[in-house]
Amino acid sequence: MEKYLYHNNFEYRSAICKLRISSHLLEIEKGRYKNLPVHERICKQCAMNAVENETHFICECSRFDVERNSLFERVSEISPNFSLLNNHQKIIFLLTSSNPSNIENMGRFIFNCFQKRSQTPH
């Protein structure tokens, strides 16, 4: 069983789970239910004109720069080679980590960013 499922904080555990199983409100999923082509599932959180998928959400969206910088800094303290990874590798690393601190940090990031997203009037 994945280590994040044992995390004590229900909100963080739930946030990680939602992102991993695509049970979230990112445009990549919302557009699926509206039958929008993938290239039209644009992020409404920033002005990058990019598809809002998990990679964009975790590694690119400017709306979450402060939260992301904090996450990446904390993870890099634990795993110094993290900064050398490309975005795809970072996502895999973050979503499959068995390190309790990384799980905590990733859960906090996803939960806080989901909360911040829900406050956007789009």
C-alpha atoms as a PDB file:
ATOM      1  CA  MET A   1       0.000   0.000   0.000  1.00  0.00           C
ATOM      2  CA  GLU A   2       1.237   3.511  -0.824  1.00  0.00           C
ATOM      3  CA  LYS A   3       2.849   5.309   2.132  1.00  0.00           C
ATOM      4  CA  TYR A   4       0.748   8.483   1.742  1.00  0.00           C
ATOM      5  CA  LEU A   5      -2.336   6.437   2.697  1.00  0.00           C
ATOM      6  CA  TYR A   6      -0.919   6.154   6.217  1.00  0.00           C
ATOM      7  CA  HIS A   7      -0.469   9.894   6.664  1.00  0.00           C
ATOM      8  CA  ASN A   8      -2.171  11.216   9.822  1.00  0.00           C
ATOM      9  CA  ASN A   9      -3.591  14.386   8.272  1.00  0.00           C
ATOM     10  CA  PHE A  10      -6.815  13.409   6.490  1.00  0.00           C
ATOM     11  CA  GLU A  11      -6.945  16.610   4.419  1.00  0.00           C
ATOM     12  CA  TYR A  12      -3.419  16.130   3.078  1.00  0.00           C
ATOM     13  CA  ARG A  13      -3.960  12.421   2.446  1.00  0.00           C
ATOM     14  CA  SER A  14      -7.214  13.169   0.639  1.00  0.00           C
ATOM     15  CA  ALA A  15      -5.623  15.907  -1.483  1.00  0.00           C
ATOM     16  CA  ILE A  16      -2.829  13.592  -2.648  1.00  0.00           C
ATOM     17  CA  CYS A  17      -5.335  10.863  -3.401  1.00  0.00           C
ATOM     18  CA  LYS A  18      -7.586  13.192  -5.409  1.00  0.00           C
ATOM     19  CA  LEU A  19      -4.683  14.350  -7.544  1.00  0.00           C
ATOM     20  CA  ARG A  20      -3.399  10.813  -8.093  1.00  0.00           C
ATOM     21  CA  ILE A  21      -6.762   9.410  -9.196  1.00  0.00           C
ATOM     22  CA  SER A  22      -7.831  12.512 -11.185  1.00  0.00           C
ATOM     23  CA  SER A  23     -10.742  13.232  -8.881  1.00  0.00           C
ATOM     24  CA  HIS A  24     -10.152  16.978  -8.897  1.00  0.00           C
ATOM     25  CA  LEU A  25     -11.358  20.150 -10.576  1.00  0.00           C
ATOM     26  CA  LEU A  26      -8.355  20.905 -12.777  1.00  0.00           C
ATOM     27  CA  GLU A  27      -9.428  21.913 -16.277  1.00  0.00           C
ATOM     28  CA  ILE A  28      -7.954  18.724 -17.734  1.00  0.00           C
ATOM     29  CA  GLU A  29     -10.702  16.773 -15.929  1.00  0.00           C
ATOM     30  CA  LYS A  30     -13.495  19.346 -16.136  1.00  0.00           C
ATOM     31  CA  GLY A  31     -12.941  19.568 -19.891  1.00  0.00           C
ATOM     32  CA  ARG A  32     -13.193  15.799 -20.221  1.00  0.00           C
ATOM     33  CA  TYR A  33     -16.779  15.913 -18.973  1.00  0.00           C
ATOM     34  CA  LYS A  34     -17.575  18.772 -21.359  1.00  0.00           C
ATOM     35  CA  ASN A  35     -15.976  16.904 -24.286  1.00  0.00           C
ATOM     36  CA  LEU A  36     -13.509  19.752 -24.841  1.00  0.00           C
ATOM     37  CA  PRO A  37     -10.388  18.947 -26.837  1.00  0.00           C
ATOM     38  CA  VAL A  38      -7.338  18.795 -24.560  1.00  0.00           C
ATOM     39  CA  HIS A  39      -5.800  21.943 -26.055  1.00  0.00           C
ATOM     40  CA  GLU A  40      -8.898  23.919 -24.932  1.00  0.00           C
ATOM     41  CA  ARG A  41      -8.639  22.907 -21.265  1.00  0.00           C
ATOM     42  CA  ILE A  42      -6.763  26.084 -20.402  1.00  0.00           C
ATOM     43  CA  CYS A  43      -5.775  27.087 -16.882  1.00  0.00           C
ATOM     44  CA  LYS A  44      -7.904  29.915 -15.525  1.00  0.00           C
ATOM     45  CA  GLN A  45      -5.557  30.450 -12.578  1.00  0.00           C
ATOM     46  CA  CYS A  46      -2.775  32.151 -14.542  1.00  0.00           C
ATOM     47  CA  ALA A  47      -2.074  33.943 -17.814  1.00  0.00           C
ATOM     48  CA  MET A  48       0.254  31.302 -19.253  1.00  0.00           C
ATOM     49  CA  ASN A  49      -2.401  30.045 -21.709  1.00  0.00           C
ATOM     50  CA  ALA A  50      -1.408  26.457 -20.862  1.00  0.00           C
ATOM     51  CA  VAL A  51      -3.472  23.318 -20.457  1.00  0.00           C
ATOM     52  CA  GLU A  52      -4.224  22.913 -16.763  1.00  0.00           C
ATOM     53  CA  ASN A  53      -3.067  19.375 -16.158  1.00  0.00           C
ATOM     54  CA  GLU A  54      -1.265  17.908 -13.172  1.00  0.00           C
ATOM     55  CA  THR A  55       2.147  18.962 -14.469  1.00  0.00           C
ATOM     56  CA  HIS A  56       1.034  22.544 -14.958  1.00  0.00           C
ATOM     57  CA  PHE A  57      -0.660  22.602 -11.548  1.00  0.00           C
ATOM     58  CA  ILE A  58       2.315  21.204  -9.608  1.00  0.00           C
ATOM     59  CA  CYS A  59       5.294  22.574 -11.538  1.00  0.00           C
ATOM     60  CA  GLU A  60       4.314  25.547 -13.678  1.00  0.00           C
ATOM     61  CA  CYS A  61       1.221  27.586 -12.775  1.00  0.00           C
ATOM     62  CA  SER A  62       2.337  31.057 -11.695  1.00  0.00           C
ATOM     63  CA  ARG A  63      -0.632  31.355  -9.319  1.00  0.00           C
ATOM     64  CA  PHE A  64       1.070  28.859  -7.023  1.00  0.00           C
ATOM     65  CA  ASP A  65       4.683  30.068  -7.290  1.00  0.00           C
ATOM     66  CA  VAL A  66       5.007  30.899  -3.578  1.00  0.00           C
ATOM     67  CA  GLU A  67       3.613  27.544  -2.468  1.00  0.00           C
ATOM     68  CA  ARG A  68       5.657  25.654  -5.081  1.00  0.00           C
ATOM     69  CA  ASN A  69       8.911  27.396  -4.147  1.00  0.00           C
ATOM     70  CA  SER A  70       8.322  26.465  -0.525  1.00  0.00           C
ATOM     71  CA  LEU A  71       7.541  22.843  -1.445  1.00  0.00           C
ATOM     72  CA  PHE A  72      10.545  22.474  -3.742  1.00  0.00           C
ATOM     73  CA  GLU A  73      12.854  24.058  -1.154  1.00  0.00           C
ATOM     74  CA  ARG A  74      11.697  21.676   1.582  1.00  0.00           C
ATOM     75  CA  VAL A  75      11.936  18.626  -0.672  1.00  0.00           C
ATOM     76  CA  SER A  76      15.407  19.662  -1.871  1.00  0.00           C
ATOM     77  CA  GLU A  77      16.617  19.852   1.733  1.00  0.00           C
ATOM     78  CA  ILE A  78      15.635  16.192   2.177  1.00  0.00           C
ATOM     79  CA  SER A  79      16.519  15.046  -1.356  1.00  0.00           C
ATOM     80  CA  PRO A  80      19.276  17.297  -2.775  1.00  0.00           C
ATOM     81  CA  ASN A  81      19.072  15.834  -6.300  1.00  0.00           C
ATOM     82  CA  PHE A  82      15.412  16.840  -6.593  1.00  0.00           C
ATOM     83  CA  SER A  83      16.331  20.130  -8.265  1.00  0.00           C
ATOM     84  CA  LEU A  84      18.082  18.205 -11.061  1.00  0.00           C
ATOM     85  CA  LEU A  85      14.885  16.425 -12.114  1.00  0.00           C
ATOM     86  CA  ASN A  86      12.694  17.560 -14.996  1.00  0.00           C
ATOM     87  CA  ASN A  87       9.041  18.378 -14.273  1.00  0.00           C
ATOM     88  CA  HIS A  88       7.766  14.903 -15.187  1.00  0.00           C
ATOM     89  CA  GLN A  89      10.339  13.284 -12.900  1.00  0.00           C
ATOM     90  CA  LYS A  90       9.510  15.738 -10.103  1.00  0.00           C
ATOM     91  CA  ILE A  91       5.838  14.798 -10.226  1.00  0.00           C
ATOM     92  CA  ILE A  92       6.607  11.089 -10.127  1.00  0.00           C
ATOM     93  CA  PHE A  93       9.050  11.647  -7.265  1.00  0.00           C
ATOM     94  CA  LEU A  94       6.572  13.751  -5.266  1.00  0.00           C
ATOM     95  CA  LEU A  95       3.551  11.516  -5.813  1.00  0.00           C
ATOM     96  CA  THR A  96       5.361   8.263  -5.069  1.00  0.00           C
ATOM     97  CA  SER A  97       7.661   9.340  -2.241  1.00  0.00           C
ATOM     98  CA  SER A  98       7.737   7.132   0.829  1.00  0.00           C
ATOM     99  CA  ASN A  99       9.528   9.782   2.908  1.00  0.00           C
ATOM    100  CA  PRO A 100       7.075  11.040   5.573  1.00  0.00           C
ATOM    101  CA  SER A 101       8.350  14.631   5.310  1.00  0.00           C
ATOM    102  CA  ASN A 102       7.955  14.665   1.538  1.00  0.00           C
ATOM    103  CA  ILE A 103       4.449  13.242   1.864  1.00  0.00           C
ATOM    104  CA  GLU A 104       3.598  15.926   4.434  1.00  0.00           C
ATOM    105  CA  ASN A 105       5.021  18.694   2.246  1.00  0.00           C
ATOM    106  CA  MET A 106       3.297  17.460  -0.916  1.00  0.00           C
ATOM    107  CA  GLY A 107      -0.028  16.999   0.888  1.00  0.00           C
ATOM    108  CA  ARG A 108       0.185  20.522   2.298  1.00  0.00           C
ATOM    109  CA  PHE A 109       1.015  21.948  -1.138  1.00  0.00           C
ATOM    110  CA  ILE A 110      -1.854  20.199  -2.931  1.00  0.00           C
ATOM    111  CA  PHE A 111      -4.370  20.949  -0.171  1.00  0.00           C
ATOM    112  CA  ASN A 112      -3.418  24.639   0.044  1.00  0.00           C
ATOM    113  CA  CYS A 113      -3.405  25.082  -3.728  1.00  0.00           C
ATOM    114  CA  PHE A 114      -6.779  23.332  -4.107  1.00  0.00           C
ATOM    115  CA  GLN A 115      -8.100  25.731  -1.444  1.00  0.00           C
ATOM    116  CA  LYS A 116      -6.615  28.726  -3.244  1.00  0.00           C
ATOM    117  CA  ARG A 117      -8.062  27.511  -6.571  1.00  0.00           C
ATOM    118  CA  SER A 118     -11.532  27.246  -5.032  1.00  0.00           C
ATOM    119  CA  GLN A 119     -11.390  30.937  -4.086  1.00  0.00           C
ATOM    120  CA  THR A 120     -10.958  32.018  -7.720  1.00  0.00           C
ATOM    121  CA  PRO A 121     -14.225  33.281  -9.226  1.00  0.00           C
ATOM    122  CA  HIS A 122     -13.889  31.508 -12.617  1.00  0.00           C
END
